[in-house]
């Protein structure tokens, strides 16, 4: 999953580099460029979430869990 996201992000960067030269020439290219920029940003955010979740999961697995007892709810 992570490799696929990285590969897709790289493809978006290639598309952006090709479109960058034509952005000023037509409105269609400009719109397409903006669309690809948004798609790349979304993919980067998904990749960030994937990396963040695995890191958080590792930390949570190392920390001891405190069990909550019924009497804990009635403490003043």
PDB file of N, CA and C in Angstrom:
ATOM      1  N   UNK A   1       0.827  -1.193   0.000  1.00  0.00           N
ATOM      2  CA  UNK A   1       0.000   0.000   0.000  1.00  0.00           C
ATOM      3  C   UNK A   1       0.871   1.256   0.000  1.00  0.00           C
ATOM      4  N   UNK A   2       1.869   1.254   0.874  1.00  0.00           N
ATOM      5  CA  UNK A   2       2.731   2.415   0.991  1.00  0.00           C
ATOM      6  C   UNK A   2       3.528   2.631  -0.297  1.00  0.00           C
ATOM      7  N   UNK A   3       4.035   1.547  -0.864  1.00  0.00           N
ATOM      8  CA  UNK A   3       4.814   1.649  -2.096  1.00  0.00           C
ATOM      9  C   UNK A   3       3.957   2.146  -3.254  1.00  0.00           C
ATOM     10  N   UNK A   4       2.713   1.694  -3.279  1.00  0.00           N
ATOM     11  CA  UNK A   4       1.803   2.137  -4.335  1.00  0.00           C
ATOM     12  C   UNK A   4       1.539   3.637  -4.238  1.00  0.00           C
ATOM     13  N   UNK A   5       1.369   4.129  -3.019  1.00  0.00           N
ATOM     14  CA  UNK A   5       1.143   5.556  -2.827  1.00  0.00           C
ATOM     15  C   UNK A   5       2.364   6.363  -3.262  1.00  0.00           C
ATOM     16  N   UNK A   6       3.538   5.890  -2.901  1.00  0.00           N
ATOM     17  CA  UNK A   6       4.766   6.588  -3.272  1.00  0.00           C
ATOM     18  C   UNK A   6       4.924   6.609  -4.791  1.00  0.00           C
ATOM     19  N   UNK A   7       4.630   5.481  -5.416  1.00  0.00           N
ATOM     20  CA  UNK A   7       4.727   5.396  -6.872  1.00  0.00           C
ATOM     21  C   UNK A   7       3.733   6.353  -7.538  1.00  0.00           C
ATOM     22  N   UNK A   8       2.521   6.409  -7.023  1.00  0.00           N
ATOM     23  CA  UNK A   8       1.497   7.289  -7.582  1.00  0.00           C
ATOM     24  C   UNK A   8       1.887   8.758  -7.396  1.00  0.00           C
ATOM     25  N   UNK A   9       2.467   9.094  -6.252  1.00  0.00           N
ATOM     26  CA  UNK A   9       2.909  10.462  -5.998  1.00  0.00           C
ATOM     27  C   UNK A   9       4.004  10.845  -6.992  1.00  0.00           C
ATOM     28  N   UNK A  10       4.902   9.933  -7.246  1.00  0.00           N
ATOM     29  CA  UNK A  10       5.962  10.202  -8.216  1.00  0.00           C
ATOM     30  C   UNK A  10       5.384  10.413  -9.619  1.00  0.00           C
ATOM     31  N   UNK A  11       4.370   9.632  -9.973  1.00  0.00           N
ATOM     32  CA  UNK A  11       3.710   9.810 -11.270  1.00  0.00           C
ATOM     33  C   UNK A  11       3.052  11.188 -11.356  1.00  0.00           C
ATOM     34  N   UNK A  12       2.451  11.620 -10.262  1.00  0.00           N
ATOM     35  CA  UNK A  12       1.819  12.942 -10.236  1.00  0.00           C
ATOM     36  C   UNK A  12       2.863  14.039 -10.404  1.00  0.00           C
ATOM     37  N   UNK A  13       4.047  13.849  -9.810  1.00  0.00           N
ATOM     38  CA  UNK A  13       5.119  14.831  -9.955  1.00  0.00           C
ATOM     39  C   UNK A  13       5.577  14.927 -11.406  1.00  0.00           C
ATOM     40  N   UNK A  14       5.636  13.788 -12.094  1.00  0.00           N
ATOM     41  CA  UNK A  14       6.011  13.784 -13.507  1.00  0.00           C
ATOM     42  C   UNK A  14       4.948  14.522 -14.323  1.00  0.00           C
ATOM     43  N   UNK A  15       3.685  14.252 -14.024  1.00  0.00           N
ATOM     44  CA  UNK A  15       2.600  14.941 -14.728  1.00  0.00           C
ATOM     45  C   UNK A  15       2.680  16.447 -14.504  1.00  0.00           C
ATOM     46  N   UNK A  16       2.961  16.836 -13.267  1.00  0.00           N
ATOM     47  CA  UNK A  16       3.055  18.265 -12.956  1.00  0.00           C
ATOM     48  C   UNK A  16       4.205  18.917 -13.714  1.00  0.00           C
ATOM     49  N   UNK A  17       5.329  18.228 -13.783  1.00  0.00           N
ATOM     50  CA  UNK A  17       6.473  18.816 -14.488  1.00  0.00           C
ATOM     51  C   UNK A  17       6.170  18.992 -15.982  1.00  0.00           C
ATOM     52  N   UNK A  18       5.408  18.067 -16.559  1.00  0.00           N
ATOM     53  CA  UNK A  18       5.044  18.187 -17.971  1.00  0.00           C
ATOM     54  C   UNK A  18       4.002  19.281 -18.194  1.00  0.00           C
ATOM     55  N   UNK A  19       3.078  19.415 -17.257  1.00  0.00           N
ATOM     56  CA  UNK A  19       2.011  20.411 -17.404  1.00  0.00           C
ATOM     57  C   UNK A  19       2.483  21.829 -17.091  1.00  0.00           C
ATOM     58  N   UNK A  20       3.528  21.946 -16.290  1.00  0.00           N
ATOM     59  CA  UNK A  20       3.979  23.257 -15.842  1.00  0.00           C
ATOM     60  C   UNK A  20       4.329  24.178 -17.015  1.00  0.00           C
ATOM     61  N   UNK A  21       4.888  23.618 -18.066  1.00  0.00           N
ATOM     62  CA  UNK A  21       5.267  24.430 -19.229  1.00  0.00           C
ATOM     63  C   UNK A  21       4.060  24.948 -19.993  1.00  0.00           C
ATOM     64  N   UNK A  22       2.929  24.285 -19.860  1.00  0.00           N
ATOM     65  CA  UNK A  22       1.743  24.636 -20.647  1.00  0.00           C
ATOM     66  C   UNK A  22       0.653  25.341 -19.838  1.00  0.00           C
ATOM     67  N   UNK A  23       0.909  25.601 -18.580  1.00  0.00           N
ATOM     68  CA  UNK A  23      -0.117  26.206 -17.720  1.00  0.00           C
ATOM     69  C   UNK A  23      -0.529  27.583 -18.220  1.00  0.00           C
ATOM     70  N   UNK A  24       0.430  28.373 -18.637  1.00  0.00           N
ATOM     71  CA  UNK A  24       0.126  29.736 -19.082  1.00  0.00           C
ATOM     72  C   UNK A  24      -0.533  29.786 -20.459  1.00  0.00           C
ATOM     73  N   UNK A  25      -0.425  28.728 -21.218  1.00  0.00           N
ATOM     74  CA  UNK A  25      -0.895  28.731 -22.605  1.00  0.00           C
ATOM     75  C   UNK A  25      -2.390  28.478 -22.753  1.00  0.00           C
ATOM     76  N   UNK A  26      -2.948  27.624 -21.866  1.00  0.00           N
ATOM     77  CA  UNK A  26      -4.384  27.345 -22.007  1.00  0.00           C
ATOM     78  C   UNK A  26      -5.036  27.148 -20.644  1.00  0.00           C
ATOM     79  N   UNK A  27      -6.313  27.427 -20.609  1.00  0.00           N
ATOM     80  CA  UNK A  27      -7.053  27.273 -19.354  1.00  0.00           C
ATOM     81  C   UNK A  27      -7.282  25.805 -19.021  1.00  0.00           C
ATOM     82  N   UNK A  28      -7.371  24.955 -20.032  1.00  0.00           N
ATOM     83  CA  UNK A  28      -7.566  23.521 -19.810  1.00  0.00           C
ATOM     84  C   UNK A  28      -6.349  22.943 -19.088  1.00  0.00           C
ATOM     85  N   UNK A  29      -5.165  23.321 -19.550  1.00  0.00           N
ATOM     86  CA  UNK A  29      -3.939  22.846 -18.903  1.00  0.00           C
ATOM     87  C   UNK A  29      -3.838  23.378 -17.477  1.00  0.00           C
ATOM     88  N   UNK A  30      -4.258  24.600 -17.291  1.00  0.00           N
ATOM     89  CA  UNK A  30      -4.239  25.199 -15.960  1.00  0.00           C
ATOM     90  C   UNK A  30      -5.157  24.442 -15.002  1.00  0.00           C
ATOM     91  N   UNK A  31      -6.353  24.128 -15.465  1.00  0.00           N
ATOM     92  CA  UNK A  31      -7.299  23.373 -14.642  1.00  0.00           C
ATOM     93  C   UNK A  31      -6.782  21.966 -14.350  1.00  0.00           C
ATOM     94  N   UNK A  32      -6.205  21.334 -15.348  1.00  0.00           N
ATOM     95  CA  UNK A  32      -5.653  20.004 -15.170  1.00  0.00           C
ATOM     96  C   UNK A  32      -4.487  20.029 -14.191  1.00  0.00           C
ATOM     97  N   UNK A  33      -3.660  21.054 -14.289  1.00  0.00           N
ATOM     98  CA  UNK A  33      -2.531  21.220 -13.371  1.00  0.00           C
ATOM     99  C   UNK A  33      -3.030  21.339 -11.931  1.00  0.00           C
ATOM    100  N   UNK A  34      -4.044  22.172 -11.736  1.00  0.00           N
ATOM    101  CA  UNK A  34      -4.615  22.340 -10.393  1.00  0.00           C
ATOM    102  C   UNK A  34      -5.209  21.039  -9.875  1.00  0.00           C
ATOM    103  N   UNK A  35      -5.851  20.289 -10.750  1.00  0.00           N
ATOM    104  CA  UNK A  35      -6.448  19.013 -10.357  1.00  0.00           C
ATOM    105  C   UNK A  35      -5.371  18.026  -9.913  1.00  0.00           C
ATOM    106  N   UNK A  36      -4.276  17.972 -10.650  1.00  0.00           N
ATOM    107  CA  UNK A  36      -3.187  17.058 -10.316  1.00  0.00           C
ATOM    108  C   UNK A  36      -2.517  17.478  -9.007  1.00  0.00           C
ATOM    109  N   UNK A  37      -2.397  18.777  -8.779  1.00  0.00           N
ATOM    110  CA  UNK A  37      -1.829  19.269  -7.521  1.00  0.00           C
ATOM    111  C   UNK A  37      -2.687  18.811  -6.342  1.00  0.00           C
ATOM    112  N   UNK A  38      -3.999  18.908  -6.489  1.00  0.00           N
ATOM    113  CA  UNK A  38      -4.908  18.467  -5.421  1.00  0.00           C
ATOM    114  C   UNK A  38      -4.805  16.958  -5.193  1.00  0.00           C
ATOM    115  N   UNK A  39      -4.756  16.197  -6.268  1.00  0.00           N
ATOM    116  CA  UNK A  39      -4.644  14.745  -6.137  1.00  0.00           C
ATOM    117  C   UNK A  39      -3.346  14.366  -5.437  1.00  0.00           C
ATOM    118  N   UNK A  40      -2.276  15.043  -5.779  1.00  0.00           N
ATOM    119  CA  UNK A  40      -0.985  14.769  -5.145  1.00  0.00           C
ATOM    120  C   UNK A  40      -1.036  15.096  -3.650  1.00  0.00           C
ATOM    121  N   UNK A  41      -1.669  16.199  -3.302  1.00  0.00           N
ATOM    122  CA  UNK A  41      -1.785  16.584  -1.892  1.00  0.00           C
ATOM    123  C   UNK A  41      -2.590  15.549  -1.113  1.00  0.00           C
ATOM    124  N   UNK A  42      -3.652  15.047  -1.715  1.00  0.00           N
ATOM    125  CA  UNK A  42      -4.473  14.026  -1.058  1.00  0.00           C
ATOM    126  C   UNK A  42      -3.669  12.752  -0.847  1.00  0.00           C
ATOM    127  N   UNK A  43      -2.908  12.361  -1.859  1.00  0.00           N
ATOM    128  CA  UNK A  43      -2.082  11.154  -1.735  1.00  0.00           C
ATOM    129  C   UNK A  43      -1.008  11.309  -0.668  1.00  0.00           C
ATOM    130  N   UNK A  44      -0.411  12.489  -0.587  1.00  0.00           N
ATOM    131  CA  UNK A  44       0.602  12.736   0.441  1.00  0.00           C
ATOM    132  C   UNK A  44      -0.006  12.645   1.838  1.00  0.00           C
ATOM    133  N   UNK A  45      -1.215  13.147   1.976  1.00  0.00           N
ATOM    134  CA  UNK A  45      -1.902  13.103   3.275  1.00  0.00           C
ATOM    135  C   UNK A  45      -2.209  11.657   3.669  1.00  0.00           C
ATOM    136  N   UNK A  46      -2.629  10.845   2.695  1.00  0.00           N
ATOM    137  CA  UNK A  46      -2.889   9.434   2.968  1.00  0.00           C
ATOM    138  C   UNK A  46      -1.612   8.715   3.383  1.00  0.00           C
ATOM    139  N   UNK A  47      -0.518   9.021   2.719  1.00  0.00           N
ATOM    140  CA  UNK A  47       0.764   8.422   3.061  1.00  0.00           C
ATOM    141  C   UNK A  47       1.195   8.830   4.461  1.00  0.00           C
ATOM    142  N   UNK A  48       0.971  10.089   4.782  1.00  0.00           N
ATOM    143  CA  UNK A  48       1.299  10.587   6.115  1.00  0.00           C
ATOM    144  C   UNK A  48       0.484   9.860   7.184  1.00  0.00           C
ATOM    145  N   UNK A  49      -0.789   9.638   6.905  1.00  0.00           N
ATOM    146  CA  UNK A  49      -1.649   8.918   7.847  1.00  0.00           C
ATOM    147  C   UNK A  49      -1.170   7.487   8.045  1.00  0.00           C
ATOM    148  N   UNK A  50      -0.782   6.843   6.970  1.00  0.00           N
ATOM    149  CA  UNK A  50      -0.278   5.472   7.068  1.00  0.00           C
ATOM    150  C   UNK A  50       0.963   5.401   7.944  1.00  0.00           C
ATOM    151  N   UNK A  51       1.879   6.313   7.740  1.00  0.00           N
ATOM    152  CA  UNK A  51       3.107   6.326   8.522  1.00  0.00           C
ATOM    153  C   UNK A  51       2.825   6.677   9.973  1.00  0.00           C
ATOM    154  N   UNK A  52       1.913   7.582  10.199  1.00  0.00           N
ATOM    155  CA  UNK A  52       1.587   8.013  11.544  1.00  0.00           C
ATOM    156  C   UNK A  52       0.888   6.898  12.315  1.00  0.00           C
ATOM    157  N   UNK A  53      -0.024   6.198  11.683  1.00  0.00           N
ATOM    158  CA  UNK A  53      -0.759   5.143  12.361  1.00  0.00           C
ATOM    159  C   UNK A  53       0.152   4.011  12.798  1.00  0.00           C
ATOM    160  N   UNK A  54       1.093   3.621  11.977  1.00  0.00           N
ATOM    161  CA  UNK A  54       1.978   2.533  12.359  1.00  0.00           C
ATOM    162  C   UNK A  54       2.860   2.951  13.523  1.00  0.00           C
ATOM    163  N   UNK A  55       3.310   4.199  13.527  1.00  0.00           N
ATOM    164  CA  UNK A  55       4.143   4.685  14.615  1.00  0.00           C
ATOM    165  C   UNK A  55       3.356   4.715  15.927  1.00  0.00           C
ATOM    166  N   UNK A  56       2.139   5.211  15.862  1.00  0.00           N
ATOM    167  CA  UNK A  56       1.295   5.279  17.064  1.00  0.00           C
ATOM    168  C   UNK A  56       0.972   3.875  17.572  1.00  0.00           C
ATOM    169  N   UNK A  57       0.700   2.973  16.668  1.00  0.00           N
ATOM    170  CA  UNK A  57       0.389   1.601  17.069  1.00  0.00           C
ATOM    171  C   UNK A  57       1.571   0.957  17.767  1.00  0.00           C
ATOM    172  N   UNK A  58       2.776   1.216  17.263  1.00  0.00           N
ATOM    173  CA  UNK A  58       3.969   0.651  17.912  1.00  0.00           C
ATOM    174  C   UNK A  58       4.135   1.174  19.324  1.00  0.00           C
ATOM    175  N   UNK A  59       3.912   2.464  19.499  1.00  0.00           N
ATOM    176  CA  UNK A  59       4.062   3.061  20.828  1.00  0.00           C
ATOM    177  C   UNK A  59       3.006   2.508  21.770  1.00  0.00           C
ATOM    178  N   UNK A  60       1.774   2.406  21.294  1.00  0.00           N
ATOM    179  CA  UNK A  60       0.697   1.894  22.146  1.00  0.00           C
ATOM    180  C   UNK A  60       0.942   0.455  22.563  1.00  0.00           C
ATOM    181  N   UNK A  61       1.543  -0.328  21.692  1.00  0.00           N
ATOM    182  CA  UNK A  61       1.803  -1.720  22.045  1.00  0.00           C
ATOM    183  C   UNK A  61       2.888  -1.841  23.099  1.00  0.00           C
ATOM    184  N   UNK A  62       3.779  -0.873  23.195  1.00  0.00           N
ATOM    185  CA  UNK A  62       4.859  -0.917  24.175  1.00  0.00           C
ATOM    186  C   UNK A  62       4.423  -0.427  25.555  1.00  0.00           C
ATOM    187  N   UNK A  63       3.466   0.476  25.580  1.00  0.00           N
ATOM    188  CA  UNK A  63       3.021   1.034  26.858  1.00  0.00           C
ATOM    189  C   UNK A  63       2.094   0.054  27.581  1.00  0.00           C
ATOM    190  N   UNK A  64       2.276  -0.069  28.895  1.00  0.00           N
ATOM    191  CA  UNK A  64       1.348  -0.939  29.639  1.00  0.00           C
ATOM    192  C   UNK A  64      -0.028  -0.291  29.727  1.00  0.00           C
ATOM    193  N   UNK A  65      -1.024  -1.122  29.660  1.00  0.00           N
ATOM    194  CA  UNK A  65      -2.392  -0.605  29.704  1.00  0.00           C
ATOM    195  C   UNK A  65      -2.911  -0.639  31.132  1.00  0.00           C
ATOM    196  N   UNK A  66      -3.568   0.430  31.498  1.00  0.00           N
ATOM    197  CA  UNK A  66      -4.153   0.506  32.824  1.00  0.00           C
ATOM    198  C   UNK A  66      -5.592   0.037  32.724  1.00  0.00           C
ATOM    199  N   UNK A  67      -5.921  -0.923  33.548  1.00  0.00           N
ATOM    200  CA  UNK A  67      -7.287  -1.424  33.543  1.00  0.00           C
ATOM    201  C   UNK A  67      -8.156  -0.501  34.391  1.00  0.00           C
ATOM    202  N   UNK A  68      -9.335  -0.207  33.889  1.00  0.00           N
ATOM    203  CA  UNK A  68     -10.272   0.626  34.613  1.00  0.00           C
ATOM    204  C   UNK A  68     -11.234  -0.276  35.364  1.00  0.00           C
ATOM    205  N   UNK A  69     -11.305  -0.042  36.644  1.00  0.00           N
ATOM    206  CA  UNK A  69     -12.216  -0.812  37.494  1.00  0.00           C
ATOM    207  C   UNK A  69     -13.506  -0.025  37.691  1.00  0.00           C
ATOM    208  N   UNK A  70     -14.540  -0.709  38.086  1.00  0.00           N
ATOM    209  CA  UNK A  70     -15.821  -0.053  38.321  1.00  0.00           C
ATOM    210  C   UNK A  70     -15.690   0.984  39.427  1.00  0.00           C
ATOM    211  N   UNK A  71     -14.922   0.688  40.441  1.00  0.00           N
ATOM    212  CA  UNK A  71     -14.776   1.636  41.556  1.00  0.00           C
ATOM    213  C   UNK A  71     -14.079   2.933  41.127  1.00  0.00           C
ATOM    214  N   UNK A  72     -13.337   2.895  40.015  1.00  0.00           N
ATOM    215  CA  UNK A  72     -12.674   4.105  39.519  1.00  0.00           C
ATOM    216  C   UNK A  72     -13.685   5.143  39.038  1.00  0.00           C
ATOM    217  N   UNK A  73     -14.833   4.702  38.616  1.00  0.00           N
ATOM    218  CA  UNK A  73     -15.861   5.630  38.135  1.00  0.00           C
ATOM    219  C   UNK A  73     -16.541   6.383  39.283  1.00  0.00           C
ATOM    220  N   UNK A  74     -16.468   5.834  40.489  1.00  0.00           N
ATOM    221  CA  UNK A  74     -17.172   6.424  41.622  1.00  0.00           C
ATOM    222  C   UNK A  74     -16.247   7.188  42.565  1.00  0.00           C
ATOM    223  N   UNK A  75     -14.996   7.385  42.162  1.00  0.00           N
ATOM    224  CA  UNK A  75     -14.071   8.162  43.013  1.00  0.00           C
ATOM    225  C   UNK A  75     -14.435   9.619  42.970  1.00  0.00           C
ATOM    226  N   UNK A  76     -14.258  10.310  44.095  1.00  0.00           N
ATOM    227  CA  UNK A  76     -14.551  11.752  44.170  1.00  0.00           C
ATOM    228  C   UNK A  76     -13.358  12.560  43.798  1.00  0.00           C
TER     229      UNK A  76
END
